[in-house]
N, C-alpha and C. Protein backbone atom coordinates (compact mmCIF):
# COMPACT_ATOMS: atom_id res chain seq x y z
N UNK A 1 92.73 100.83 -212.27
CA UNK A 1 94.16 101.02 -212.34
C UNK A 1 94.56 101.60 -213.69
N UNK A 2 93.88 101.19 -214.76
CA UNK A 2 94.19 101.71 -216.09
C UNK A 2 93.92 103.21 -216.16
N UNK A 3 92.80 103.65 -215.55
CA UNK A 3 92.47 105.08 -215.58
C UNK A 3 93.52 105.90 -214.85
N UNK A 4 94.04 105.38 -213.75
CA UNK A 4 95.07 106.12 -213.03
C UNK A 4 96.35 106.22 -213.85
N UNK A 5 96.68 105.18 -214.60
CA UNK A 5 97.86 105.23 -215.48
C UNK A 5 97.63 106.24 -216.60
N UNK A 6 96.41 106.27 -217.16
CA UNK A 6 96.12 107.23 -218.22
C UNK A 6 96.19 108.65 -217.69
N UNK A 7 95.72 108.87 -216.49
CA UNK A 7 95.80 110.20 -215.88
C UNK A 7 97.25 110.62 -215.67
N UNK A 8 98.05 109.69 -215.21
CA UNK A 8 99.47 109.98 -215.00
C UNK A 8 100.18 110.32 -216.30
N UNK A 9 99.93 109.53 -217.34
CA UNK A 9 100.55 109.78 -218.64
C UNK A 9 100.08 111.11 -219.21
N UNK A 10 98.80 111.39 -219.07
CA UNK A 10 98.26 112.66 -219.56
C UNK A 10 98.92 113.84 -218.85
N UNK A 11 99.08 113.74 -217.56
CA UNK A 11 99.74 114.80 -216.81
C UNK A 11 101.17 114.99 -217.23
N UNK A 12 101.88 113.91 -217.49
CA UNK A 12 103.27 114.00 -217.95
C UNK A 12 103.36 114.63 -219.33
N UNK A 13 102.41 114.32 -220.20
CA UNK A 13 102.41 114.91 -221.54
C UNK A 13 102.17 116.41 -221.48
N UNK A 14 101.26 116.84 -220.62
CA UNK A 14 100.99 118.27 -220.45
C UNK A 14 102.23 118.97 -219.89
N UNK A 15 102.86 118.34 -218.93
CA UNK A 15 104.07 118.92 -218.34
C UNK A 15 105.17 119.04 -219.39
N UNK A 16 105.33 118.03 -220.24
CA UNK A 16 106.34 118.07 -221.29
C UNK A 16 106.06 119.20 -222.27
N UNK A 17 104.80 119.40 -222.62
CA UNK A 17 104.45 120.48 -223.54
C UNK A 17 104.79 121.83 -222.92
N UNK A 18 104.46 122.01 -221.64
CA UNK A 18 104.78 123.27 -220.97
C UNK A 18 106.28 123.50 -220.92
N UNK A 19 107.04 122.46 -220.66
CA UNK A 19 108.50 122.59 -220.61
C UNK A 19 109.05 122.90 -222.00
N UNK A 20 108.49 122.31 -223.04
CA UNK A 20 108.92 122.61 -224.41
C UNK A 20 108.67 124.07 -224.75
N UNK A 21 107.52 124.60 -224.36
CA UNK A 21 107.20 126.00 -224.62
C UNK A 21 108.19 126.91 -223.90
N UNK A 22 108.47 126.61 -222.65
CA UNK A 22 109.42 127.43 -221.88
C UNK A 22 110.80 127.36 -222.51
N UNK A 23 111.23 126.18 -222.92
CA UNK A 23 112.55 126.03 -223.55
C UNK A 23 112.63 126.80 -224.85
N UNK A 24 111.57 126.76 -225.65
CA UNK A 24 111.56 127.52 -226.90
C UNK A 24 111.58 129.01 -226.64
N UNK A 25 110.85 129.46 -225.63
CA UNK A 25 110.86 130.89 -225.29
C UNK A 25 112.24 131.34 -224.84
N UNK A 26 112.91 130.54 -224.06
CA UNK A 26 114.27 130.88 -223.62
C UNK A 26 115.21 130.90 -224.80
N UNK A 27 115.08 129.95 -225.71
CA UNK A 27 115.95 129.90 -226.88
C UNK A 27 115.74 131.09 -227.80
N UNK A 28 114.54 131.64 -227.82
CA UNK A 28 114.22 132.74 -228.72
C UNK A 28 114.36 134.11 -228.07
N UNK A 29 114.88 134.19 -226.87
CA UNK A 29 114.97 135.47 -226.17
C UNK A 29 115.84 136.45 -226.95
N UNK A 30 116.90 136.00 -227.54
CA UNK A 30 117.84 136.90 -228.21
C UNK A 30 117.58 137.04 -229.70
N UNK A 31 116.46 136.59 -230.19
CA UNK A 31 116.16 136.73 -231.61
C UNK A 31 115.19 137.88 -231.83
N UNK A 32 115.18 138.41 -233.04
CA UNK A 32 114.29 139.51 -233.38
C UNK A 32 113.02 139.03 -234.05
N UNK A 33 112.87 137.74 -234.23
CA UNK A 33 111.70 137.20 -234.92
C UNK A 33 110.42 137.54 -234.18
N UNK A 34 110.41 137.42 -232.88
CA UNK A 34 109.19 137.69 -232.12
C UNK A 34 108.77 139.15 -232.24
N UNK A 35 109.73 140.04 -232.32
CA UNK A 35 109.41 141.47 -232.46
C UNK A 35 108.79 141.74 -233.83
N UNK A 36 109.34 141.14 -234.86
CA UNK A 36 108.81 141.32 -236.21
C UNK A 36 107.39 140.78 -236.31
N UNK A 37 107.13 139.64 -235.72
CA UNK A 37 105.81 139.04 -235.76
C UNK A 37 104.81 139.94 -235.04
N UNK A 38 105.19 140.53 -233.92
CA UNK A 38 104.27 141.41 -233.20
C UNK A 38 103.88 142.61 -234.06
N UNK A 39 104.82 143.19 -234.76
CA UNK A 39 104.51 144.36 -235.57
C UNK A 39 103.70 143.99 -236.80
N UNK A 40 103.91 142.81 -237.35
CA UNK A 40 103.17 142.40 -238.54
C UNK A 40 101.74 142.02 -238.22
N UNK A 41 101.47 141.61 -237.00
CA UNK A 41 100.13 141.15 -236.67
C UNK A 41 99.16 142.31 -236.37
N UNK A 42 99.67 143.52 -236.21
CA UNK A 42 98.81 144.66 -235.91
C UNK A 42 98.24 145.25 -237.20
N UNK A 43 97.01 145.72 -237.17
CA UNK A 43 96.43 146.34 -238.38
C UNK A 43 97.13 147.67 -238.67
N UNK A 44 97.24 148.02 -239.93
CA UNK A 44 97.93 149.23 -240.34
C UNK A 44 97.04 150.46 -240.26
N UNK A 45 95.72 150.29 -240.15
CA UNK A 45 94.78 151.42 -240.16
C UNK A 45 94.78 152.22 -238.89
């Protein structure tokens, strides 16, 4: 029974992380930060 509870909690934690990522992506849709980071990460050569 303990293992099933641990599996359930683990699944909920993964789901929360995925939801946090989606929420952050939605919040950053109208910002230019992501565009600047993309251009800075490319090599200049």
